[in-house]
């Protein structure tokens, strides 16, 4: 699994403290990842990769902007089509998340 841990700085965010918390496994775009207990979805994803999703109007990648739930930059999807705001959603074990809308979205 990719994710946090001492010496595993693979993402946009680097965890410097609280590395003792229990790991929480999840999947992002089909890839196994792990955050830590009490992480938000945004923190868990960005400690293991460099972005959350593609930008709507250009080739850039998005990684959250305000980090407090006020903007729309961190919206991602669950595999069942629900949208969630990554910066304010607590990570739970077994989440299956997508950086792009599922093919049949909106239903």
Foldseek 3Di string as FASTA:
>chain_A
DFWADPPRQAFPDHDDDPRPADWAWEAEQRHIFIYGAFDFQLNGVRSGYYAQAADPPDRDGFRDDPLPPPDDRQWWAFQVFDIDRRSPHGDHHYTHTYRDGPPPPPD
